[in-house]
């Protein structure tokens, strides 16, 4: 019945994770995805743990979807869109937890990019600060590795803030 039919998935996987820009005459050359405004990219080299909440855990959560901030991080396993995820980010003295709903899953060559919207709008400023701490820590480590261990952390923190803090979402 189906003789001579074969499934070839390799051609499909070669296009996974890529977005092709439509070529419309008169369109500006710069392509930006307006759907990703408000997402903060978590650095890959900074530790992050997450777990998907079970059904009985999700039923206890009240969703407050007025948050305008989301988080994008890399994961080795696929997460179903719509699932509720608890993200844990350790910093030097504290461990911070955030609840979010998976709204984006993008397969890349090595892993998946997971995008979540925060469920509690009160967590938005906290996430923004925690993510800045993560980026500053990596910036300090990189600068100390390249320029020496005796650099002032305060000076490097001020340098990072003046160069990169304005690119983080405000809301």
C-alpha atoms as a PDB file:
ATOM      1  CA  UNK A   1       0.000   0.000   0.000  1.00  0.00           C
ATOM      2  CA  UNK A   2       2.714   2.493   0.933  1.00  0.00           C
ATOM      3  CA  UNK A   3       5.626   0.994  -0.954  1.00  0.00           C
ATOM      4  CA  UNK A   4       8.444   3.324  -1.809  1.00  0.00           C
ATOM      5  CA  UNK A   5       7.419   5.901   0.825  1.00  0.00           C
ATOM      6  CA  UNK A   6      10.026   7.025   3.330  1.00  0.00           C
ATOM      7  CA  UNK A   7      10.021   9.607   6.045  1.00  0.00           C
ATOM      8  CA  UNK A   8      12.943  11.974   5.985  1.00  0.00           C
ATOM      9  CA  UNK A   9      13.097  14.118   9.117  1.00  0.00           C
ATOM     10  CA  UNK A  10      16.620  15.464   8.609  1.00  0.00           C
ATOM     11  CA  UNK A  11      15.479  18.214   6.280  1.00  0.00           C
ATOM     12  CA  UNK A  12      12.889  19.304   8.837  1.00  0.00           C
ATOM     13  CA  UNK A  13      15.412  19.511  11.706  1.00  0.00           C
ATOM     14  CA  UNK A  14      17.816  21.658   9.732  1.00  0.00           C
ATOM     15  CA  UNK A  15      15.277  24.478   9.812  1.00  0.00           C
ATOM     16  CA  UNK A  16      14.389  24.110  13.493  1.00  0.00           C
ATOM     17  CA  UNK A  17      15.244  27.129  15.599  1.00  0.00           C
ATOM     18  CA  UNK A  18      15.605  29.532  12.716  1.00  0.00           C
ATOM     19  CA  UNK A  19      13.394  32.406  11.717  1.00  0.00           C
ATOM     20  CA  UNK A  20      13.453  33.557   8.119  1.00  0.00           C
ATOM     21  CA  UNK A  21      12.717  37.190   7.523  1.00  0.00           C
ATOM     22  CA  UNK A  22      10.012  37.942   4.962  1.00  0.00           C
ATOM     23  CA  UNK A  23      11.328  39.935   2.031  1.00  0.00           C
ATOM     24  CA  UNK A  24       8.758  42.657   1.406  1.00  0.00           C
ATOM     25  CA  UNK A  25       9.701  45.629  -0.781  1.00  0.00           C
ATOM     26  CA  UNK A  26      10.000  48.830   1.230  1.00  0.00           C
ATOM     27  CA  UNK A  27      10.361  47.031   4.559  1.00  0.00           C
ATOM     28  CA  UNK A  28      13.095  48.208   6.913  1.00  0.00           C
ATOM     29  CA  UNK A  29      16.202  46.049   7.017  1.00  0.00           C
ATOM     30  CA  UNK A  30      16.191  45.660  10.803  1.00  0.00           C
ATOM     31  CA  UNK A  31      14.060  42.749  11.995  1.00  0.00           C
ATOM     32  CA  UNK A  32      12.816  42.705  15.590  1.00  0.00           C
ATOM     33  CA  UNK A  33      10.343  40.343  17.151  1.00  0.00           C
ATOM     34  CA  UNK A  34       7.765  42.468  18.957  1.00  0.00           C
ATOM     35  CA  UNK A  35       6.486  39.423  20.854  1.00  0.00           C
ATOM     36  CA  UNK A  36       9.745  39.151  22.813  1.00  0.00           C
ATOM     37  CA  UNK A  37       9.643  42.683  24.229  1.00  0.00           C
ATOM     38  CA  UNK A  38       9.792  42.457  28.015  1.00  0.00           C
ATOM     39  CA  UNK A  39      11.735  39.198  28.174  1.00  0.00           C
ATOM     40  CA  UNK A  40      15.040  39.080  30.034  1.00  0.00           C
ATOM     41  CA  UNK A  41      17.606  36.595  28.723  1.00  0.00           C
ATOM     42  CA  UNK A  42      19.146  34.632  31.585  1.00  0.00           C
ATOM     43  CA  UNK A  43      22.891  34.086  30.998  1.00  0.00           C
ATOM     44  CA  UNK A  44      23.713  30.479  30.109  1.00  0.00           C
ATOM     45  CA  UNK A  45      26.778  30.369  32.353  1.00  0.00           C
ATOM     46  CA  UNK A  46      24.881  31.378  35.496  1.00  0.00           C
ATOM     47  CA  UNK A  47      23.178  28.554  37.448  1.00  0.00           C
ATOM     48  CA  UNK A  48      19.422  28.236  37.251  1.00  0.00           C
ATOM     49  CA  UNK A  49      17.156  25.428  38.314  1.00  0.00           C
ATOM     50  CA  UNK A  50      13.541  24.892  37.396  1.00  0.00           C
ATOM     51  CA  UNK A  51      10.809  22.371  37.833  1.00  0.00           C
ATOM     52  CA  UNK A  52       7.402  21.945  36.309  1.00  0.00           C
ATOM     53  CA  UNK A  53       4.644  22.034  38.911  1.00  0.00           C
ATOM     54  CA  UNK A  54       2.349  19.052  39.181  1.00  0.00           C
ATOM     55  CA  UNK A  55      -1.389  19.349  38.718  1.00  0.00           C
ATOM     56  CA  UNK A  56      -2.186  19.490  42.446  1.00  0.00           C
ATOM     57  CA  UNK A  57       0.489  22.153  42.988  1.00  0.00           C
ATOM     58  CA  UNK A  58      -0.841  24.286  40.120  1.00  0.00           C
ATOM     59  CA  UNK A  59      -4.386  24.224  41.479  1.00  0.00           C
ATOM     60  CA  UNK A  60      -3.242  26.166  44.575  1.00  0.00           C
ATOM     61  CA  UNK A  61      -1.767  29.028  42.522  1.00  0.00           C
ATOM     62  CA  UNK A  62      -3.748  32.128  41.668  1.00  0.00           C
ATOM     63  CA  UNK A  63      -2.536  33.620  38.414  1.00  0.00           C
ATOM     64  CA  UNK A  64      -2.101  37.377  38.259  1.00  0.00           C
ATOM     65  CA  UNK A  65      -1.239  37.934  34.610  1.00  0.00           C
ATOM     66  CA  UNK A  66      -0.621  41.658  34.809  1.00  0.00           C
ATOM     67  CA  UNK A  67       3.146  41.104  34.736  1.00  0.00           C
ATOM     68  CA  UNK A  68       4.954  42.665  31.781  1.00  0.00           C
ATOM     69  CA  UNK A  69       8.230  40.825  32.364  1.00  0.00           C
ATOM     70  CA  UNK A  70       9.266  37.386  31.227  1.00  0.00           C
ATOM     71  CA  UNK A  71      12.382  35.261  31.495  1.00  0.00           C
ATOM     72  CA  UNK A  72      14.133  33.273  28.781  1.00  0.00           C
ATOM     73  CA  UNK A  73      16.509  30.477  29.785  1.00  0.00           C
ATOM     74  CA  UNK A  74      18.031  27.380  28.211  1.00  0.00           C
ATOM     75  CA  UNK A  75      16.953  23.868  29.157  1.00  0.00           C
ATOM     76  CA  UNK A  76      17.972  20.425  27.985  1.00  0.00           C
ATOM     77  CA  UNK A  77      14.419  19.107  28.080  1.00  0.00           C
ATOM     78  CA  UNK A  78      11.306  20.243  26.291  1.00  0.00           C
ATOM     79  CA  UNK A  79       8.682  22.083  28.332  1.00  0.00           C
ATOM     80  CA  UNK A  80       5.082  22.091  27.225  1.00  0.00           C
ATOM     81  CA  UNK A  81       3.629  25.557  26.518  1.00  0.00           C
ATOM     82  CA  UNK A  82       1.082  26.512  29.153  1.00  0.00           C
ATOM     83  CA  UNK A  83       2.818  24.596  31.928  1.00  0.00           C
ATOM     84  CA  UNK A  84       3.581  26.340  35.216  1.00  0.00           C
ATOM     85  CA  UNK A  85       7.276  26.394  36.099  1.00  0.00           C
ATOM     86  CA  UNK A  86       9.050  27.313  39.316  1.00  0.00           C
ATOM     87  CA  UNK A  87      12.454  28.869  38.583  1.00  0.00           C
ATOM     88  CA  UNK A  88      15.146  29.018  41.271  1.00  0.00           C
ATOM     89  CA  UNK A  89      18.110  31.376  40.846  1.00  0.00           C
ATOM     90  CA  UNK A  90      20.849  31.287  43.502  1.00  0.00           C
ATOM     91  CA  UNK A  91      22.869  34.436  44.194  1.00  0.00           C
ATOM     92  CA  UNK A  92      25.667  34.904  46.727  1.00  0.00           C
ATOM     93  CA  UNK A  93      23.548  35.154  49.854  1.00  0.00           C
ATOM     94  CA  UNK A  94      20.033  34.161  48.782  1.00  0.00           C
ATOM     95  CA  UNK A  95      18.041  31.856  46.584  1.00  0.00           C
ATOM     96  CA  UNK A  96      15.216  33.486  44.607  1.00  0.00           C
ATOM     97  CA  UNK A  97      12.128  31.696  43.327  1.00  0.00           C
ATOM     98  CA  UNK A  98       9.729  32.792  40.612  1.00  0.00           C
ATOM     99  CA  UNK A  99       6.601  31.214  39.188  1.00  0.00           C
ATOM    100  CA  UNK A 100       5.853  31.546  35.511  1.00  0.00           C
ATOM    101  CA  UNK A 101       3.787  30.139  32.696  1.00  0.00           C
ATOM    102  CA  UNK A 102       5.606  28.739  29.666  1.00  0.00           C
ATOM    103  CA  UNK A 103       4.704  30.874  26.662  1.00  0.00           C
ATOM    104  CA  UNK A 104       7.604  30.128  24.307  1.00  0.00           C
ATOM    105  CA  UNK A 105       9.624  27.032  23.456  1.00  0.00           C
ATOM    106  CA  UNK A 106      12.268  27.246  20.750  1.00  0.00           C
ATOM    107  CA  UNK A 107      14.497  24.336  19.781  1.00  0.00           C
ATOM    108  CA  UNK A 108      18.129  25.255  19.123  1.00  0.00           C
ATOM    109  CA  UNK A 109      21.084  23.103  18.075  1.00  0.00           C
ATOM    110  CA  UNK A 110      21.988  22.036  21.625  1.00  0.00           C
ATOM    111  CA  UNK A 111      18.913  22.631  23.785  1.00  0.00           C
ATOM    112  CA  UNK A 112      15.606  24.471  24.117  1.00  0.00           C
ATOM    113  CA  UNK A 113      15.006  28.127  24.858  1.00  0.00           C
ATOM    114  CA  UNK A 114      12.126  28.393  27.302  1.00  0.00           C
ATOM    115  CA  UNK A 115      10.251  31.656  27.746  1.00  0.00           C
ATOM    116  CA  UNK A 116       8.010  32.194  30.748  1.00  0.00           C
ATOM    117  CA  UNK A 117       5.781  35.080  31.828  1.00  0.00           C
ATOM    118  CA  UNK A 118       5.752  35.740  35.551  1.00  0.00           C
ATOM    119  CA  UNK A 119       2.491  34.847  37.258  1.00  0.00           C
ATOM    120  CA  UNK A 120       2.829  37.482  39.954  1.00  0.00           C
ATOM    121  CA  UNK A 121       3.297  41.093  38.914  1.00  0.00           C
ATOM    122  CA  UNK A 122       5.000  41.851  42.250  1.00  0.00           C
ATOM    123  CA  UNK A 123       7.884  39.579  41.153  1.00  0.00           C
ATOM    124  CA  UNK A 124       8.725  41.738  38.113  1.00  0.00           C
ATOM    125  CA  UNK A 125      11.061  44.236  39.857  1.00  0.00           C
ATOM    126  CA  UNK A 126      12.653  41.423  41.858  1.00  0.00           C
ATOM    127  CA  UNK A 127      13.363  39.379  38.717  1.00  0.00           C
ATOM    128  CA  UNK A 128      14.854  42.411  37.013  1.00  0.00           C
ATOM    129  CA  UNK A 129      17.224  43.014  39.948  1.00  0.00           C
ATOM    130  CA  UNK A 130      18.171  39.328  40.293  1.00  0.00           C
ATOM    131  CA  UNK A 131      18.928  39.092  36.572  1.00  0.00           C
ATOM    132  CA  UNK A 132      21.072  42.219  36.756  1.00  0.00           C
ATOM    133  CA  UNK A 133      22.985  40.612  39.629  1.00  0.00           C
ATOM    134  CA  UNK A 134      23.551  37.511  37.485  1.00  0.00           C
ATOM    135  CA  UNK A 135      24.852  39.566  34.571  1.00  0.00           C
ATOM    136  CA  UNK A 136      27.038  41.708  36.835  1.00  0.00           C
ATOM    137  CA  UNK A 137      28.586  38.615  38.466  1.00  0.00           C
ATOM    138  CA  UNK A 138      29.531  37.190  35.080  1.00  0.00           C
ATOM    139  CA  UNK A 139      30.878  40.580  33.982  1.00  0.00           C
ATOM    140  CA  UNK A 140      33.035  40.737  37.136  1.00  0.00           C
ATOM    141  CA  UNK A 141      34.345  37.210  36.563  1.00  0.00           C
ATOM    142  CA  UNK A 142      35.184  37.925  32.921  1.00  0.00           C
ATOM    143  CA  UNK A 143      36.944  41.217  33.698  1.00  0.00           C
ATOM    144  CA  UNK A 144      38.925  39.684  36.552  1.00  0.00           C
ATOM    145  CA  UNK A 145      39.968  36.782  34.348  1.00  0.00           C
ATOM    146  CA  UNK A 146      41.104  39.078  31.530  1.00  0.00           C
ATOM    147  CA  UNK A 147      42.550  42.003  33.505  1.00  0.00           C
ATOM    148  CA  UNK A 148      43.543  40.528  36.867  1.00  0.00           C
ATOM    149  CA  UNK A 149      41.995  39.595  40.190  1.00  0.00           C
ATOM    150  CA  UNK A 150      42.695  42.928  41.914  1.00  0.00           C
ATOM    151  CA  UNK A 151      40.062  45.000  40.119  1.00  0.00           C
ATOM    152  CA  UNK A 152      37.575  46.826  42.291  1.00  0.00           C
ATOM    153  CA  UNK A 153      34.165  45.086  42.275  1.00  0.00           C
ATOM    154  CA  UNK A 154      32.461  48.407  43.014  1.00  0.00           C
ATOM    155  CA  UNK A 155      34.085  50.103  40.019  1.00  0.00           C
ATOM    156  CA  UNK A 156      33.249  47.197  37.718  1.00  0.00           C
ATOM    157  CA  UNK A 157      29.650  47.134  38.964  1.00  0.00           C
ATOM    158  CA  UNK A 158      29.284  50.860  38.239  1.00  0.00           C
ATOM    159  CA  UNK A 159      30.814  50.289  34.802  1.00  0.00           C
ATOM    160  CA  UNK A 160      28.312  47.517  34.025  1.00  0.00           C
ATOM    161  CA  UNK A 161      25.374  49.601  35.245  1.00  0.00           C
ATOM    162  CA  UNK A 162      26.361  52.575  33.122  1.00  0.00           C
ATOM    163  CA  UNK A 163      26.806  50.396  30.020  1.00  0.00           C
ATOM    164  CA  UNK A 164      24.037  47.783  30.214  1.00  0.00           C
ATOM    165  CA  UNK A 165      21.386  48.514  32.872  1.00  0.00           C
ATOM    166  CA  UNK A 166      19.234  50.594  30.541  1.00  0.00           C
ATOM    167  CA  UNK A 167      18.651  47.569  28.265  1.00  0.00           C
ATOM    168  CA  UNK A 168      16.667  45.660  30.912  1.00  0.00           C
ATOM    169  CA  UNK A 169      12.858  45.874  30.798  1.00  0.00           C
ATOM    170  CA  UNK A 170      11.471  48.372  33.290  1.00  0.00           C
ATOM    171  CA  UNK A 171       7.999  46.919  33.916  1.00  0.00           C
END
